[in-house]
């Protein structure tokens, strides 16, 4: 497998893709988390999705194991698995490919087509979760502060969204460190969402889907 797209991209951006065997070995170090549907993962240089695709596939295997006998729960928890994967990528073609790869994995698992609400809902979620930007600067490609949606499944087909700025999330580890002045405070006492949305159904999420996830 060729792990570079071009020598120029390596020189300009340090772009080298992680081989599949190494992806598997690294994910096995946190195997339990990769198999937990609502465990959240952020890949700050996600490329075309080598890590995120495998994380999603592991999560979907967990969905099948736990909810395979209920079509309703299977669909909603599969979407939750997508909702709990995040990425940032500097190069526009890579982030577009990553979104498409993730969407293909979900669509193949649920056997849904592009015209179906769940496909469109997932497309919208990926347009929010997979960001075209610079993880080091914590800015999108057009200079806005990177904000991520924290998704939760409330049950009965309803999802909750709360937005947090990446800068705030990055501070979280400092505040929760054992020797921190703020170690005894709950994170809710320090960090508040930038925005909270009303619960949404798959259909309502589908209505927000972009015409093209670029």
Protein backbone atom coordinates (compact mmCIF):
# COMPACT_ATOMS: atom_id res chain seq x y z
CA UNK A 1 0.00 0.00 0.00
CA UNK A 2 1.27 3.46 -0.92
CA UNK A 3 1.17 5.65 2.19
CA UNK A 4 1.72 8.99 0.42
CA UNK A 5 -0.25 10.84 -2.26
CA UNK A 6 2.71 12.85 -3.53
CA UNK A 7 6.19 13.80 -2.43
CA UNK A 8 5.21 17.46 -2.65
CA UNK A 9 2.41 16.97 -0.13
CA UNK A 10 4.83 15.24 2.21
CA UNK A 11 7.23 18.18 1.87
CA UNK A 12 4.54 20.85 2.25
CA UNK A 13 2.34 19.28 4.91
CA UNK A 14 4.16 16.24 6.33
CA UNK A 15 1.33 14.09 4.94
CA UNK A 16 1.94 10.36 5.40
CA UNK A 17 -0.90 7.89 5.94
CA UNK A 18 -0.74 5.30 8.72
CA UNK A 19 -0.79 1.71 7.39
CA UNK A 20 -3.73 -0.51 8.35
CA UNK A 21 -1.72 -2.90 10.52
CA UNK A 22 -0.45 -0.01 12.64
CA UNK A 23 -3.94 1.50 12.91
CA UNK A 24 -5.23 -1.82 14.27
CA UNK A 25 -2.35 -2.17 16.70
CA UNK A 26 -2.83 1.34 18.05
CA UNK A 27 -6.59 0.97 18.41
CA UNK A 28 -6.11 -2.33 20.22
CA UNK A 29 -4.35 -0.37 22.96
CA UNK A 30 -7.76 1.16 23.77
CA UNK A 31 -9.84 -1.76 22.52
CA UNK A 32 -12.57 -1.40 25.13
CA UNK A 33 -13.20 2.23 24.22
CA UNK A 34 -13.29 1.54 20.47
CA UNK A 35 -16.04 -0.99 21.14
CA UNK A 36 -18.11 1.38 23.30
CA UNK A 37 -20.75 3.04 21.13
CA UNK A 38 -20.78 6.38 22.94
CA UNK A 39 -17.01 6.71 23.49
CA UNK A 40 -15.81 9.89 21.78
CA UNK A 41 -12.71 9.96 19.58
CA UNK A 42 -11.00 12.98 18.01
CA UNK A 43 -8.34 12.56 15.31
CA UNK A 44 -6.62 15.99 14.96
CA UNK A 45 -5.01 15.11 11.62
CA UNK A 46 -7.54 12.64 10.26
CA UNK A 47 -6.50 12.54 6.61
CA UNK A 48 -8.97 10.42 4.66
CA UNK A 49 -10.05 8.58 7.80
CA UNK A 50 -7.74 5.60 8.35
CA UNK A 51 -8.32 5.70 12.12
CA UNK A 52 -11.88 7.03 12.15
CA UNK A 53 -13.15 4.46 9.66
CA UNK A 54 -11.85 1.59 11.77
CA UNK A 55 -13.20 3.15 14.95
CA UNK A 56 -16.62 3.46 13.33
CA UNK A 57 -16.49 -0.13 12.11
CA UNK A 58 -15.67 -1.34 15.62
CA UNK A 59 -18.49 0.73 17.08
CA UNK A 60 -20.95 -0.60 14.50
CA UNK A 61 -19.95 -4.15 15.40
CA UNK A 62 -20.88 -3.27 18.99
CA UNK A 63 -24.21 -1.84 17.77
CA UNK A 64 -24.95 -5.07 15.94
CA UNK A 65 -24.08 -7.17 18.96
CA UNK A 66 -26.27 -5.14 21.32
CA UNK A 67 -29.12 -3.88 19.14
CA UNK A 68 -29.08 -6.12 16.07
CA UNK A 69 -32.53 -7.52 16.81
CA UNK A 70 -34.23 -4.11 16.93
CA UNK A 71 -34.25 -2.22 13.62
CA UNK A 72 -35.24 1.04 15.37
CA UNK A 73 -32.50 0.93 18.01
CA UNK A 74 -29.95 -0.40 15.53
CA UNK A 75 -30.45 2.61 13.25
CA UNK A 76 -30.36 5.18 16.02
CA UNK A 77 -27.36 3.74 17.84
CA UNK A 78 -25.51 3.40 14.52
CA UNK A 79 -26.04 7.12 14.00
CA UNK A 80 -24.83 7.74 17.56
CA UNK A 81 -21.65 5.83 16.69
CA UNK A 82 -21.06 8.32 13.86
CA UNK A 83 -21.88 11.21 16.19
CA UNK A 84 -19.10 10.16 18.57
CA UNK A 85 -16.29 10.31 16.01
CA UNK A 86 -14.55 13.62 15.28
CA UNK A 87 -11.73 14.78 13.05
CA UNK A 88 -9.81 17.83 11.91
CA UNK A 89 -7.90 17.93 8.63
CA UNK A 90 -5.88 20.66 6.98
CA UNK A 91 -6.32 19.52 3.37
CA UNK A 92 -9.71 19.97 1.72
CA UNK A 93 -9.60 16.87 -0.48
CA UNK A 94 -8.74 14.69 2.50
CA UNK A 95 -11.61 15.92 4.69
CA UNK A 96 -14.08 15.44 1.83
CA UNK A 97 -12.78 11.90 1.32
CA UNK A 98 -12.95 11.19 5.04
CA UNK A 99 -16.60 12.28 5.22
CA UNK A 100 -17.44 10.16 2.18
CA UNK A 101 -15.63 7.12 3.59
CA UNK A 102 -17.43 7.39 6.93
CA UNK A 103 -20.79 7.84 5.24
CA UNK A 104 -20.17 4.82 3.01
CA UNK A 105 -19.40 2.65 6.05
CA UNK A 106 -22.67 3.62 7.76
CA UNK A 107 -24.75 3.34 4.58
CA UNK A 108 -23.36 -0.12 3.86
CA UNK A 109 -24.04 -1.29 7.41
CA UNK A 110 -27.65 -0.04 7.49
CA UNK A 111 -28.32 -0.60 3.78
CA UNK A 112 -29.62 2.95 3.32
CA UNK A 113 -29.54 5.06 0.17
CA UNK A 114 -28.71 8.72 -0.36
CA UNK A 115 -32.36 9.76 -0.44
CA UNK A 116 -33.16 8.31 3.00
CA UNK A 117 -33.41 10.46 6.11
CA UNK A 118 -30.83 8.51 8.09
CA UNK A 119 -28.25 8.91 5.31
CA UNK A 120 -28.92 12.64 5.14
CA UNK A 121 -28.83 12.96 8.93
CA UNK A 122 -25.44 11.23 9.01
CA UNK A 123 -24.24 13.53 6.23
CA UNK A 124 -25.15 16.53 8.34
CA UNK A 125 -23.48 15.11 11.45
CA UNK A 126 -20.27 14.43 9.52
CA UNK A 127 -20.31 17.97 8.12
CA UNK A 128 -20.21 19.17 11.74
CA UNK A 129 -17.90 16.54 13.26
CA UNK A 130 -15.22 16.38 10.54
CA UNK A 131 -13.75 19.85 10.26
CA UNK A 132 -11.64 21.36 7.50
CA UNK A 133 -9.12 23.32 9.54
CA UNK A 134 -5.88 23.51 11.52
CA UNK A 135 -5.85 21.58 14.80
CA UNK A 136 -2.77 23.41 16.09
CA UNK A 137 -4.31 26.84 15.56
CA UNK A 138 -7.76 25.53 16.54
CA UNK A 139 -9.22 27.37 13.56
CA UNK A 140 -11.25 26.34 10.55
CA UNK A 141 -9.84 26.85 7.06
CA UNK A 142 -11.57 30.27 6.93
CA UNK A 143 -10.30 31.43 10.33
CA UNK A 144 -13.25 30.69 12.63
CA UNK A 145 -12.73 29.06 16.03
CA UNK A 146 -13.31 25.31 15.75
CA UNK A 147 -16.50 24.28 17.52
CA UNK A 148 -17.59 20.69 17.99
CA UNK A 149 -21.06 19.32 18.57
CA UNK A 150 -21.42 16.98 21.52
CA UNK A 151 -24.22 14.58 20.59
CA UNK A 152 -26.20 12.42 22.96
CA UNK A 153 -28.99 9.94 22.35
CA UNK A 154 -31.96 10.58 24.63
CA UNK A 155 -33.86 7.49 23.51
CA UNK A 156 -37.13 7.20 21.56
CA UNK A 157 -35.48 8.60 18.43
CA UNK A 158 -34.34 11.92 19.92
CA UNK A 159 -30.81 13.34 19.89
CA UNK A 160 -29.41 16.22 21.95
CA UNK A 161 -26.72 18.56 20.65
CA UNK A 162 -24.50 20.89 22.69
CA UNK A 163 -21.68 22.88 21.07
CA UNK A 164 -18.27 23.41 22.66
CA UNK A 165 -15.30 25.37 21.36
CA UNK A 166 -12.18 23.27 20.86
CA UNK A 167 -10.15 25.80 22.86
CA UNK A 168 -12.38 25.16 25.86
CA UNK A 169 -12.21 21.39 25.47
CA UNK A 170 -8.41 21.55 25.26
CA UNK A 171 -8.31 23.30 28.63
CA UNK A 172 -10.35 20.52 30.22
CA UNK A 173 -7.36 18.27 30.91
CA UNK A 174 -5.52 21.10 32.66
CA UNK A 175 -8.43 21.84 34.98
CA UNK A 176 -9.00 18.18 35.82
CA UNK A 177 -5.35 17.35 36.61
CA UNK A 178 -4.87 16.05 40.15
CA UNK A 179 -2.57 18.90 41.20
CA UNK A 180 -4.69 21.60 39.58
CA UNK A 181 -6.24 24.37 41.64
CA UNK A 182 -9.55 23.39 40.04
CA UNK A 183 -9.24 19.61 40.45
CA UNK A 184 -12.09 19.43 42.97
CA UNK A 185 -14.51 21.34 40.78
CA UNK A 186 -16.87 19.55 38.45
CA UNK A 187 -16.28 20.38 34.81
CA UNK A 188 -19.84 21.68 34.59
CA UNK A 189 -18.83 24.39 37.04
CA UNK A 190 -16.10 25.66 34.70
CA UNK A 191 -17.15 24.81 31.18
CA UNK A 192 -20.52 25.63 29.70
CA UNK A 193 -21.69 24.91 26.14
CA UNK A 194 -21.46 27.67 23.58
CA UNK A 195 -24.93 26.62 22.43
CA UNK A 196 -27.58 24.06 23.37
CA UNK A 197 -30.11 22.85 20.82
CA UNK A 198 -33.57 21.37 21.39
CA UNK A 199 -33.82 17.58 20.94
CA UNK A 200 -33.90 16.54 17.28
CA UNK A 201 -35.13 13.51 15.39
CA UNK A 202 -33.40 11.83 12.46
CA UNK A 203 -35.81 13.60 10.12
CA UNK A 204 -35.01 16.99 11.60
CA UNK A 205 -31.29 16.33 11.31
CA UNK A 206 -31.78 15.22 7.71
CA UNK A 207 -33.44 18.55 6.90
CA UNK A 208 -30.19 20.29 7.90
CA UNK A 209 -27.99 18.22 5.59
CA UNK A 210 -25.77 20.20 3.20
CA UNK A 211 -26.12 19.62 -0.50
CA UNK A 212 -22.44 18.69 -0.58
CA UNK A 213 -20.25 17.86 2.41
CA UNK A 214 -17.09 19.77 1.44
